[in-house]
Amino acid sequence: MNTTLSIILIVVAFVVGCAIAVGLLFLIQGKKSKGIIETAKIEAEAIKKSKLLEVKEKYLQLKNEYEKQATARTAKIQQAEARIAQKEKALQQQEESIVKKESEIEQLKASYEAQLDIAEKKDQELDRLHQQAIEKLESVAGMSAQEAKDSMIEALKAEAQTAALAYTNEIMEEARMNGNKEAKKIIIQSIQRVASETAIENAVTVFHIENEEMKGRIIGREGRNIRALEAATGVEIVVDDTPESIVLSAFDPIRREIARLALHQLVQDGRIHPARIEEIVAKISKQIEEEIIEIGKRTTIDLGIHGLHPELVRLIGKMKYRSSYGQNLLEHSRETANLCAIMASELGLNPKKARRAGLLHDIGKVAEDEDQELPHALLGMKIAQRCGEKPDICNAIGAHHEEVEMTSLISPIVLACDAISGARPGARREIVEAYIKRLNDLENLAMSYPGVEKTYAIQAGRELRVIVGADKVSDADTERLSGEIAKKIQDEMTYPGQVKITVIREVRSVAVAK
């Protein structure tokens, strides 16, 4: 019992102690809270005063800035008002001046009208006097005014025609001199910067052998070897009494080259029979085809031309085995390409395009399986179009013999450079009979014109001297005659380079002293 009571007392005492402790704790916290609140109030008051001071300072600063801006705006307004006042004053002065000038204009207008009336009266009087003078002249001259006018017009027309012809001749001569000078300068510079070797080729190739016994082996029993070789190569093989040589004849130089190389290999090998001949010819043909392509590629690389169609590269390689008037076609095309590039550079045009057109201008001469009825220039243009060449390049190829209209600035360059390469001394050969015939045709063509007494083709047909009668052809007609002869030669004849026509009119007076 006592134990239970003791436990109860202890629990009660513990509860009372806890309550007292809690009360004391709340009392202490309340005092601390009051102290924190008082401190916060004091700090808030200080912050309030500080912020009020900052606001006042900001207000004063903004007020000062506003007053400065207001002062500046006021000054600007005053300046603007002053300028406006000055402009108003100037406008007022201008208005007064305009009013003054208007009054002066009115006075001048009145004076002009009065003078116009006087002029009209004088004009009427002048017309009357002019009519009287015309009537008097008509009576004196015995012809009407219209007849006299017509006569005067005819006289003036003839005089004007003579003066115009002389003036035209003077302008043409000056233009010709200047144009010839510049053209010669460019052409000479182009020619001087190009040098090439020329190759002269014929329609036959001579194949040399070591002894006469080899001729019999090449012919074979009953001629079977030589017939097999001719059938395989398409070349006529002539074995005659010429010692140690066999003649290979064909217009196609590629076939002649295949036959020559095949014969060389057969002779070296020693086995000559139809089967071996066909094998060797097939092998050599393949080698030649590869060589053609290689030559085409090497040529384009040497000239710096890129992006050509493989067919065009092959045609360029074939040019090595083609000649025109004895001039190797590939060398001619390379020379023309270099000339075109130089001339284009001198004229400020694209030298790469010009070189490309110059190299391709004669590809129509080596075309295969094409429309052979077309001229080679048009055929080459057709091939270039098919191979994707640009229109200006195609036009230069087709127009280098003026068979189509020139639409590109490169076209006349290719035409001129083709003529330079073909017409320079030593470039081409031509048959003597054809050369003499051309000279005779030149002279006969000029002799067909009335008034021509003698003609002389000189400088290898590059100049034609025409002697005319002084009593039949006037000085004014000589210019016209030279132009007509030049045009007729250009239209009717084929010739390398150009032909200069010189018309000579002279008067000879002969007297004999006795």
Protein backbone atom coordinates (compact mmCIF):
# COMPACT_ATOMS: atom_id res chain seq x y z
CA MET A 1 0.00 0.00 0.00
CA ASN A 2 2.75 2.32 0.92
CA THR A 3 4.56 1.36 -2.21
CA THR A 4 1.57 2.20 -4.37
CA LEU A 5 1.12 5.52 -2.63
CA SER A 6 4.78 6.32 -3.10
CA ILE A 7 4.54 5.62 -6.78
CA ILE A 8 1.46 7.83 -7.11
CA LEU A 9 3.20 10.69 -5.28
CA ILE A 10 6.23 10.33 -7.50
CA VAL A 11 4.11 10.44 -10.66
CA VAL A 12 2.21 13.48 -9.39
CA ALA A 13 5.42 15.22 -8.48
CA PHE A 14 6.81 14.45 -11.95
CA VAL A 15 3.73 15.82 -13.69
CA VAL A 16 3.78 19.00 -11.59
CA GLY A 17 7.47 19.45 -12.31
CA CYS A 18 6.90 19.08 -16.01
CA ALA A 19 4.08 21.64 -15.94
CA ILE A 20 6.23 24.10 -14.05
CA ALA A 21 9.08 23.57 -16.56
CA VAL A 22 6.79 24.09 -19.50
CA GLY A 23 5.44 27.29 -17.97
CA LEU A 24 8.87 28.65 -17.33
CA LEU A 25 9.84 27.76 -20.91
CA PHE A 26 6.89 29.69 -22.38
CA LEU A 27 7.65 32.66 -20.15
CA ILE A 28 11.25 32.79 -21.37
CA GLN A 29 10.23 32.46 -25.08
CA GLY A 30 7.70 35.30 -24.70
CA LYS A 31 10.34 37.64 -23.35
CA LYS A 32 12.71 36.73 -26.22
CA SER A 33 9.95 37.28 -28.86
CA LYS A 34 9.21 40.72 -27.47
CA GLY A 35 12.89 41.60 -27.72
CA ILE A 36 13.09 40.40 -31.37
CA ILE A 37 9.96 42.35 -32.31
CA GLU A 38 11.32 45.54 -30.74
CA THR A 39 14.60 45.06 -32.58
CA ALA A 40 12.76 44.47 -35.88
CA LYS A 41 10.70 47.61 -35.40
CA ILE A 42 13.83 49.67 -34.81
CA GLU A 43 15.54 48.23 -37.93
CA ALA A 44 12.40 48.76 -40.04
CA GLU A 45 12.24 52.40 -38.96
CA ALA A 46 15.89 52.88 -39.91
CA ILE A 47 15.31 51.22 -43.31
CA LYS A 48 12.24 53.38 -43.86
CA LYS A 49 14.20 56.56 -43.18
CA SER A 50 17.01 55.38 -45.48
CA LYS A 51 14.61 54.59 -48.34
CA LEU A 52 12.83 57.92 -47.91
CA LEU A 53 16.15 59.68 -48.23
CA GLU A 54 17.01 57.67 -51.37
CA VAL A 55 13.60 58.47 -52.89
CA LYS A 56 14.07 62.16 -52.16
CA GLU A 57 17.53 62.13 -53.77
CA LYS A 58 16.18 60.26 -56.85
CA TYR A 59 13.32 62.74 -57.10
CA LEU A 60 15.69 65.70 -56.97
CA GLN A 61 17.96 64.07 -59.59
CA LEU A 62 15.04 63.38 -61.97
CA LYS A 63 13.75 66.89 -61.39
CA ASN A 64 17.14 68.38 -62.36
CA GLU A 65 17.35 66.20 -65.51
CA TYR A 66 13.83 67.14 -66.54
CA GLU A 67 14.60 70.85 -66.04
CA LYS A 68 17.74 70.47 -68.21
CA GLN A 69 15.75 68.69 -70.95
CA ALA A 70 12.99 71.30 -70.74
CA THR A 71 15.59 74.06 -71.06
CA ALA A 72 17.18 72.34 -74.11
CA ARG A 73 13.78 71.85 -75.77
CA THR A 74 12.92 75.46 -75.12
CA ALA A 75 16.20 76.55 -76.75
CA LYS A 76 15.51 74.36 -79.78
CA ILE A 77 11.99 75.71 -80.09
CA GLN A 78 13.32 79.26 -79.94
CA GLN A 79 15.90 78.45 -82.64
CA ALA A 80 13.21 76.83 -84.82
CA GLU A 81 10.98 79.85 -84.36
CA ALA A 82 13.87 82.10 -85.38
CA ARG A 83 14.52 80.01 -88.53
CA ILE A 84 10.82 80.02 -89.38
CA ALA A 85 10.75 83.77 -88.97
CA GLN A 86 13.75 84.09 -91.31
CA LYS A 87 12.12 81.78 -93.89
CA GLU A 88 8.88 83.73 -93.69
CA LYS A 89 10.85 86.89 -94.32
CA ALA A 90 12.68 85.29 -97.26
CA LEU A 91 9.39 83.97 -98.70
CA GLN A 92 7.88 87.40 -98.39
CA GLN A 93 10.82 88.88 -100.28
CA GLN A 94 10.52 86.18 -102.98
CA GLU A 95 6.82 86.86 -103.28
CA GLU A 96 7.50 90.53 -103.79
CA SER A 97 10.16 89.67 -106.40
CA ILE A 98 7.74 87.30 -108.22
CA VAL A 99 5.07 89.97 -108.32
CA LYS A 100 7.61 92.38 -109.74
CA LYS A 101 8.78 89.87 -112.40
CA GLU A 102 5.18 89.09 -113.36
CA SER A 103 4.57 92.74 -114.05
CA GLU A 104 7.77 92.86 -116.13
CA ILE A 105 6.66 89.74 -118.06
CA GLU A 106 3.32 91.32 -118.80
CA GLN A 107 5.10 94.36 -120.18
CA LEU A 108 7.43 92.17 -122.30
CA LYS A 109 4.48 90.13 -123.53
CA ALA A 110 2.70 93.23 -124.71
CA SER A 111 5.89 94.42 -126.41
CA TYR A 112 6.41 90.98 -128.04
CA GLU A 113 2.84 90.91 -129.38
CA ALA A 114 3.36 94.32 -130.90
CA GLN A 115 6.65 93.19 -132.51
CA LEU A 116 4.96 89.98 -133.71
CA ASP A 117 2.31 92.00 -135.49
CA ILE A 118 5.04 94.05 -137.14
CA ALA A 119 6.93 90.84 -138.11
CA GLU A 120 3.79 89.31 -139.63
CA LYS A 121 3.26 92.38 -141.71
CA LYS A 122 6.89 92.33 -142.85
CA ASP A 123 6.62 88.60 -143.59
CA GLN A 124 3.59 89.20 -145.76
CA GLU A 125 5.44 91.98 -147.55
CA LEU A 126 8.46 89.66 -148.00
CA ASP A 127 6.27 86.89 -149.45
CA ARG A 128 4.80 89.38 -151.88
CA LEU A 129 8.24 90.60 -152.94
CA HIS A 130 9.51 86.97 -153.17
CA GLN A 131 6.62 86.05 -155.44
CA GLN A 132 7.31 89.06 -157.60
CA ALA A 133 10.99 88.08 -157.82
CA ILE A 134 10.07 84.50 -158.78
CA GLU A 135 7.73 85.72 -161.47
CA LYS A 136 10.44 88.05 -162.79
CA LEU A 137 13.02 85.19 -162.75
CA GLU A 138 10.62 82.85 -164.52
CA SER A 139 10.05 85.45 -167.22
CA VAL A 140 13.81 86.03 -167.60
CA ALA A 141 14.88 82.33 -167.40
CA GLY A 142 12.08 80.96 -169.51
CA MET A 143 11.26 78.13 -166.99
CA SER A 144 8.91 77.72 -164.08
CA ALA A 145 9.99 77.67 -160.42
CA GLN A 146 9.31 73.89 -160.17
CA GLU A 147 11.50 73.23 -163.22
CA ALA A 148 14.30 75.35 -161.77
CA LYS A 149 13.93 73.54 -158.42
CA ASP A 150 14.13 70.13 -160.11
CA SER A 151 17.20 71.24 -162.06
CA MET A 152 18.83 72.50 -158.87
CA ILE A 153 17.98 69.28 -157.00
CA GLU A 154 19.52 67.14 -159.75
CA ALA A 155 22.68 69.22 -159.72
CA LEU A 156 22.90 69.06 -155.93
CA LYS A 157 22.16 65.32 -155.96
CA ALA A 158 25.02 64.61 -158.37
CA GLU A 159 27.35 66.82 -156.33
CA ALA A 160 26.22 65.16 -153.09
CA GLN A 161 26.72 61.68 -154.53
CA THR A 162 30.26 62.54 -155.60
CA ALA A 163 31.04 64.08 -152.22
CA ALA A 164 29.44 61.15 -150.37
CA LEU A 165 31.40 58.64 -152.46
CA ALA A 166 34.64 60.46 -151.76
CA TYR A 167 33.78 60.71 -148.06
CA THR A 168 32.80 57.04 -147.96
CA ASN A 169 36.03 56.03 -149.70
CA GLU A 170 38.00 58.13 -147.24
CA ILE A 171 36.24 56.54 -144.23
CA MET A 172 36.60 53.04 -145.68
CA GLU A 173 40.28 53.62 -146.42
CA GLU A 174 40.90 54.93 -142.92
CA ALA A 175 38.97 52.03 -141.36
CA ARG A 176 40.79 49.57 -143.62
CA MET A 177 44.17 50.99 -142.68
CA ASN A 178 43.44 50.93 -138.95
CA GLY A 179 41.69 47.55 -139.12
CA ASN A 180 44.46 46.01 -141.22
CA LYS A 181 47.07 47.39 -138.87
CA GLU A 182 45.45 45.91 -135.76
CA ALA A 183 44.54 42.65 -137.51
CA LYS A 184 48.07 42.22 -138.85
CA LYS A 185 49.47 42.93 -135.41
CA ILE A 186 47.31 40.26 -133.77
CA ILE A 187 47.86 37.71 -136.55
CA ILE A 188 51.64 38.27 -136.59
CA GLN A 189 51.83 37.93 -132.82
CA SER A 190 49.79 34.72 -133.00
CA ILE A 191 51.92 33.22 -135.80
CA GLN A 192 55.20 34.18 -134.12
CA ARG A 193 54.17 32.38 -130.94
CA VAL A 194 53.31 29.10 -132.70
CA ALA A 195 55.80 26.74 -134.32
CA SER A 196 55.04 23.25 -135.56
CA GLU A 197 56.60 20.64 -137.77
CA THR A 198 54.78 19.60 -140.90
CA ALA A 199 54.46 16.04 -142.13
CA ILE A 200 54.02 15.21 -145.79
CA GLU A 201 52.20 11.97 -146.44
CA ASN A 202 51.21 10.19 -149.65
CA ALA A 203 48.65 7.56 -150.52
CA VAL A 204 51.35 4.88 -150.62
CA THR A 205 53.80 3.41 -148.12
CA VAL A 206 57.01 1.65 -149.16
CA PHE A 207 57.90 -1.40 -147.03
CA HIS A 208 61.57 -2.42 -147.22
CA ILE A 209 62.66 -6.07 -147.03
CA GLU A 210 66.10 -7.57 -146.62
CA ASN A 211 66.17 -9.89 -149.65
CA GLU A 212 64.19 -10.92 -152.69
CA GLU A 213 63.43 -14.37 -151.25
CA MET A 214 61.11 -12.74 -148.72
CA LYS A 215 58.94 -11.43 -151.58
CA GLY A 216 58.11 -14.98 -152.60
CA ARG A 217 57.20 -15.96 -149.04
CA ILE A 218 54.94 -12.89 -148.74
CA ILE A 219 53.20 -13.78 -152.01
CA GLY A 220 52.83 -17.44 -150.99
CA ARG A 221 51.81 -20.43 -153.06
CA GLU A 222 49.58 -19.25 -155.92
CA GLY A 223 49.39 -15.84 -154.18
CA ARG A 224 47.34 -17.05 -151.21
CA ASN A 225 49.37 -15.13 -148.60
CA ILE A 226 49.21 -11.79 -150.38
CA ARG A 227 45.47 -12.24 -151.07
CA ALA A 228 44.85 -13.03 -147.40
CA LEU A 229 46.85 -9.94 -146.38
CA GLU A 230 44.95 -7.70 -148.81
CA ALA A 231 41.59 -9.10 -147.65
CA ALA A 232 42.47 -8.66 -143.97
CA THR A 233 43.84 -5.09 -144.26
CA GLY A 234 41.94 -3.66 -147.24
CA VAL A 235 45.22 -2.45 -148.72
CA GLU A 236 46.51 -3.12 -152.21
CA ILE A 237 49.97 -4.71 -152.04
CA VAL A 238 52.15 -4.18 -155.11
CA VAL A 239 55.12 -6.53 -155.51
CA ASP A 240 57.09 -5.56 -158.60
CA ASP A 241 60.68 -5.53 -159.80
CA THR A 242 61.70 -2.75 -157.43
CA PRO A 243 64.55 -4.27 -155.41
CA GLU A 244 64.03 -4.95 -151.71
CA SER A 245 60.73 -3.05 -151.43
CA ILE A 246 56.99 -3.66 -151.48
CA VAL A 247 54.43 -0.89 -152.09
CA LEU A 248 51.33 -0.62 -149.87
CA SER A 249 48.65 1.45 -151.59
CA ALA A 250 45.45 2.77 -149.94
CA PHE A 251 43.81 6.12 -149.37
CA ASP A 252 43.11 5.22 -145.73
CA PRO A 253 46.39 5.84 -143.83
CA ILE A 254 45.23 3.76 -140.85
CA ARG A 255 44.84 0.69 -143.05
CA ARG A 256 48.27 1.32 -144.58
CA GLU A 257 49.80 1.56 -141.11
CA ILE A 258 48.12 -1.70 -140.01
CA ALA A 259 49.40 -3.43 -143.16
CA ARG A 260 52.94 -2.07 -142.64
CA LEU A 261 53.11 -3.15 -139.00
CA ALA A 262 51.58 -6.57 -139.82
CA LEU A 263 54.12 -7.15 -142.60
CA HIS A 264 56.94 -6.09 -140.30
CA GLN A 265 55.87 -8.56 -137.60
CA LEU A 266 55.27 -11.38 -140.11
CA VAL A 267 58.71 -10.90 -141.66
CA GLN A 268 60.37 -10.87 -138.25
CA ASP A 269 58.43 -13.96 -137.09
CA GLY A 270 59.01 -15.85 -140.34
CA ARG A 271 55.71 -17.75 -140.16
CA ILE A 272 53.64 -16.43 -143.06
CA HIS A 273 50.39 -18.20 -143.85
CA PRO A 274 46.71 -17.08 -144.07
CA ALA A 275 45.75 -18.06 -140.50
CA ARG A 276 48.82 -16.33 -139.05
CA ILE A 277 48.16 -13.26 -141.21
CA GLU A 278 44.59 -12.89 -139.89
CA GLU A 279 45.80 -13.30 -136.31
CA ILE A 280 48.56 -10.69 -136.69
CA VAL A 281 46.28 -8.20 -138.50
CA ALA A 282 43.63 -8.53 -135.76
CA LYS A 283 46.28 -7.96 -133.10
CA ILE A 284 47.80 -4.95 -134.89
CA SER A 285 44.33 -3.45 -135.47
CA LYS A 286 43.65 -3.60 -131.75
CA GLN A 287 47.02 -2.00 -130.98
CA ILE A 288 46.38 0.80 -133.49
CA GLU A 289 42.95 1.45 -131.96
CA GLU A 290 44.49 1.70 -128.50
CA GLU A 291 47.23 3.97 -129.87
CA ILE A 292 44.60 6.23 -131.48
CA ILE A 293 42.82 6.67 -128.16
CA GLU A 294 46.13 7.28 -126.38
CA ILE A 295 47.14 9.91 -128.96
CA GLY A 296 43.78 11.64 -128.50
CA LYS A 297 44.15 11.68 -124.71
CA ARG A 298 47.75 12.89 -124.87
CA THR A 299 46.79 15.68 -127.29
CA THR A 300 43.99 16.94 -125.04
CA ILE A 301 46.29 16.85 -122.01
CA ASP A 302 49.04 18.75 -123.89
CA LEU A 303 46.56 21.48 -124.88
CA GLY A 304 44.87 21.61 -121.46
CA ILE A 305 41.44 20.58 -122.80
CA HIS A 306 39.29 18.54 -120.43
CA GLY A 307 35.87 16.91 -120.39
CA LEU A 308 35.77 15.76 -124.02
CA HIS A 309 33.45 12.92 -124.99
CA PRO A 310 35.34 9.62 -125.61
CA GLU A 311 34.18 9.63 -129.24
CA LEU A 312 35.74 13.07 -129.78
CA VAL A 313 38.99 11.90 -128.12
CA ARG A 314 39.11 8.94 -130.53
CA LEU A 315 38.48 11.18 -133.57
CA ILE A 316 41.31 13.49 -132.44
CA GLY A 317 43.65 10.49 -132.28
CA LYS A 318 42.61 9.42 -135.80
CA MET A 319 43.73 12.80 -137.12
CA LYS A 320 47.34 11.65 -136.83
CA TYR A 321 46.76 9.26 -139.74
CA ARG A 322 45.00 11.81 -141.96
CA SER A 323 46.51 14.55 -144.11
CA SER A 324 44.99 17.40 -146.10
CA TYR A 325 46.96 18.78 -149.07
CA GLY A 326 50.01 17.09 -147.55
CA GLN A 327 49.52 18.74 -144.14
CA ASN A 328 49.07 16.35 -141.22
CA LEU A 329 45.57 16.90 -139.85
CA LEU A 330 46.47 16.49 -136.18
CA GLU A 331 49.36 18.94 -136.43
CA HIS A 332 47.11 21.35 -138.33
CA SER A 333 44.40 21.07 -135.63
CA ARG A 334 46.93 21.55 -132.80
CA GLU A 335 48.41 24.57 -134.56
CA THR A 336 44.94 26.02 -135.17
CA ALA A 337 44.02 25.45 -131.50
CA ASN A 338 47.12 27.30 -130.27
CA LEU A 339 46.56 30.14 -132.74
CA CYS A 340 42.93 30.44 -131.62
CA ALA A 341 43.92 30.61 -127.95
CA ILE A 342 46.52 33.31 -128.62
CA MET A 343 44.20 35.37 -130.80
CA ALA A 344 41.32 35.06 -128.29
CA SER A 345 43.63 36.24 -125.50
CA GLU A 346 44.70 39.23 -127.60
CA LEU A 347 41.02 40.10 -128.19
CA GLY A 348 39.98 39.62 -124.55
CA LEU A 349 37.93 36.46 -125.17
CA ASN A 350 38.02 33.03 -123.48
CA PRO A 351 41.22 31.27 -124.72
CA LYS A 352 40.13 27.85 -123.41
CA LYS A 353 36.96 27.83 -125.50
CA ALA A 354 38.86 29.07 -128.54
CA ARG A 355 41.52 26.34 -128.14
CA ARG A 356 38.80 23.69 -127.78
CA ALA A 357 36.97 24.85 -130.93
CA GLY A 358 40.26 25.07 -132.87
CA LEU A 359 41.20 21.48 -131.99
CA LEU A 360 37.77 20.11 -132.93
CA HIS A 361 37.12 22.15 -136.09
CA ASP A 362 38.16 19.37 -138.56
CA ILE A 363 36.77 16.27 -136.78
CA GLY A 364 34.29 15.88 -139.66
CA LYS A 365 37.19 14.81 -141.90
CA VAL A 366 37.81 11.65 -139.85
CA ALA A 367 34.19 10.75 -139.05
CA GLU A 368 33.02 7.17 -139.64
CA ASP A 369 29.56 5.82 -140.48
CA GLU A 370 28.17 9.33 -140.88
CA ASP A 371 26.33 11.18 -143.62
CA GLN A 372 29.29 11.56 -145.99
CA GLU A 373 27.26 13.83 -148.28
CA LEU A 374 27.55 16.64 -145.73
CA PRO A 375 30.56 19.02 -145.87
CA HIS A 376 33.10 18.17 -143.19
CA ALA A 377 32.36 21.38 -141.24
CA LEU A 378 28.64 20.59 -140.92
CA LEU A 379 29.44 16.94 -140.22
CA GLY A 380 31.82 17.98 -137.43
CA MET A 381 29.20 20.32 -135.96
CA LYS A 382 26.66 17.47 -135.99
CA ILE A 383 29.09 15.15 -134.15
CA ALA A 384 29.97 17.84 -131.60
CA GLN A 385 26.28 18.48 -130.89
CA ARG A 386 25.70 14.77 -130.42
CA CYS A 387 28.64 14.59 -127.98
CA GLY A 388 27.25 17.41 -125.83
CA GLU A 389 29.55 20.29 -126.80
CA LYS A 390 28.31 23.83 -126.06
CA PRO A 391 26.46 25.79 -128.80
CA ASP A 392 29.27 28.34 -129.34
CA ILE A 393 31.81 25.53 -129.86
CA CYS A 394 29.46 23.73 -132.28
CA ASN A 395 28.84 26.95 -134.22
CA ALA A 396 32.59 27.62 -134.51
CA ILE A 397 33.10 24.10 -135.95
CA GLY A 398 30.23 24.43 -138.44
CA ALA A 399 31.02 28.01 -139.50
CA HIS A 400 34.78 27.76 -140.08
CA HIS A 401 34.08 27.56 -143.84
CA GLU A 402 31.08 29.95 -143.57
CA GLU A 403 28.58 27.19 -144.37
CA VAL A 404 26.37 28.27 -141.46
CA GLU A 405 25.78 31.72 -139.97
CA MET A 406 28.26 32.75 -137.27
CA THR A 407 26.56 33.28 -133.92
CA SER A 408 29.62 33.23 -131.66
CA LEU A 409 32.68 35.50 -131.38
CA ILE A 410 34.87 32.38 -131.41
CA SER A 411 33.66 31.41 -134.91
CA PRO A 412 35.55 34.11 -136.91
CA ILE A 413 38.67 33.40 -134.83
CA VAL A 414 38.57 29.69 -135.78
CA LEU A 415 37.96 30.62 -139.44
CA ALA A 416 40.94 33.01 -139.48
CA CYS A 417 43.31 30.64 -137.63
CA ASP A 418 42.34 27.70 -139.85
CA ALA A 419 43.24 29.82 -142.89
CA ILE A 420 46.52 30.95 -141.28
CA SER A 421 47.57 27.37 -140.50
CA GLY A 422 46.65 26.09 -143.95
CA ALA A 423 47.91 29.03 -146.03
CA ARG A 424 51.29 29.69 -144.44
CA PRO A 425 54.31 28.84 -146.63
CA GLY A 426 55.25 25.17 -146.52
CA ALA A 427 52.09 24.03 -144.79
CA ARG A 428 50.37 22.38 -147.76
CA ARG A 429 51.11 21.04 -151.20
CA GLU A 430 48.88 21.34 -154.22
CA ILE A 431 49.08 19.95 -157.72
CA VAL A 432 50.78 22.25 -160.22
CA GLU A 433 47.91 21.93 -162.68
CA ALA A 434 45.38 23.00 -160.05
CA TYR A 435 47.60 25.91 -159.05
CA ILE A 436 47.94 27.16 -162.65
CA LYS A 437 44.22 26.69 -163.25
CA ARG A 438 43.41 28.81 -160.20
CA LEU A 439 45.64 31.62 -161.44
CA ASN A 440 44.03 31.49 -164.90
CA ASP A 441 40.56 31.50 -163.37
CA LEU A 442 41.44 34.58 -161.32
CA GLU A 443 42.64 36.47 -164.40
CA ASN A 444 39.72 35.38 -166.58
CA LEU A 445 37.19 36.34 -163.92
CA ALA A 446 38.55 39.88 -163.73
CA MET A 447 38.75 40.15 -167.56
CA SER A 448 35.00 39.52 -167.79
CA TYR A 449 34.25 43.05 -166.48
CA PRO A 450 33.87 45.91 -168.99
CA GLY A 451 36.72 48.38 -169.10
CA VAL A 452 39.36 45.86 -167.93
CA GLU A 453 42.34 45.73 -170.30
CA LYS A 454 44.84 43.43 -168.54
CA THR A 455 44.99 41.25 -165.43
CA TYR A 456 47.96 39.74 -163.58
CA ALA A 457 47.78 37.16 -160.78
CA ILE A 458 50.92 37.66 -158.65
CA GLN A 459 52.36 36.51 -155.31
CA ALA A 460 51.31 32.89 -155.88
CA GLY A 461 47.72 33.92 -156.49
CA ARG A 462 47.39 36.00 -153.34
CA GLU A 463 47.10 39.30 -155.25
CA LEU A 464 45.31 40.19 -158.47
CA ARG A 465 46.37 43.33 -160.38
CA VAL A 466 43.64 44.70 -162.69
CA ILE A 467 44.53 47.34 -165.31
CA VAL A 468 41.53 49.38 -166.53
CA GLY A 469 41.21 51.91 -169.34
CA ALA A 470 41.22 55.51 -168.18
CA ASP A 471 38.65 56.45 -170.84
CA LYS A 472 36.26 53.66 -169.83
CA VAL A 473 36.46 53.58 -166.01
CA SER A 474 36.45 56.67 -163.79
CA ASP A 475 38.31 57.08 -160.51
CA ALA A 476 35.06 56.72 -158.61
CA ASP A 477 34.30 53.42 -160.40
CA THR A 478 37.62 51.76 -159.49
CA GLU A 479 36.55 51.31 -155.86
CA ARG A 480 33.27 49.75 -156.92
CA LEU A 481 35.01 47.49 -159.46
CA SER A 482 37.54 46.14 -156.93
CA GLY A 483 34.71 45.35 -154.50
CA GLU A 484 32.67 43.54 -157.15
CA ILE A 485 35.64 41.44 -158.30
CA ALA A 486 36.49 40.51 -154.71
CA LYS A 487 32.91 39.45 -154.02
CA LYS A 488 32.71 37.37 -157.20
CA ILE A 489 36.02 35.62 -156.41
CA GLN A 490 34.79 34.90 -152.89
CA ASP A 491 31.48 33.48 -154.16
CA GLU A 492 32.72 31.44 -157.11
CA MET A 493 36.26 30.25 -156.33
CA THR A 494 38.02 28.09 -153.75
CA TYR A 495 41.49 29.22 -152.64
CA PRO A 496 43.72 29.14 -149.56
CA GLY A 497 44.13 32.31 -147.51
CA GLN A 498 42.92 35.51 -149.13
CA VAL A 499 43.25 37.33 -152.44
CA LYS A 500 43.97 41.05 -152.64
CA ILE A 501 42.46 42.88 -155.65
CA THR A 502 44.23 46.04 -156.84
CA VAL A 503 42.56 48.08 -159.62
CA ILE A 504 44.96 50.43 -161.45
CA ARG A 505 43.76 53.30 -163.65
CA GLU A 506 46.34 55.43 -165.38
CA VAL A 507 46.48 58.00 -168.16
CA ARG A 508 49.44 57.95 -170.57
CA SER A 509 50.16 60.83 -172.91
CA VAL A 510 52.71 60.17 -175.65
CA ALA A 511 54.26 62.81 -177.90
CA VAL A 512 57.12 62.51 -180.39
CA ALA A 513 59.64 65.30 -180.98
CA LYS A 514 61.05 65.45 -184.53
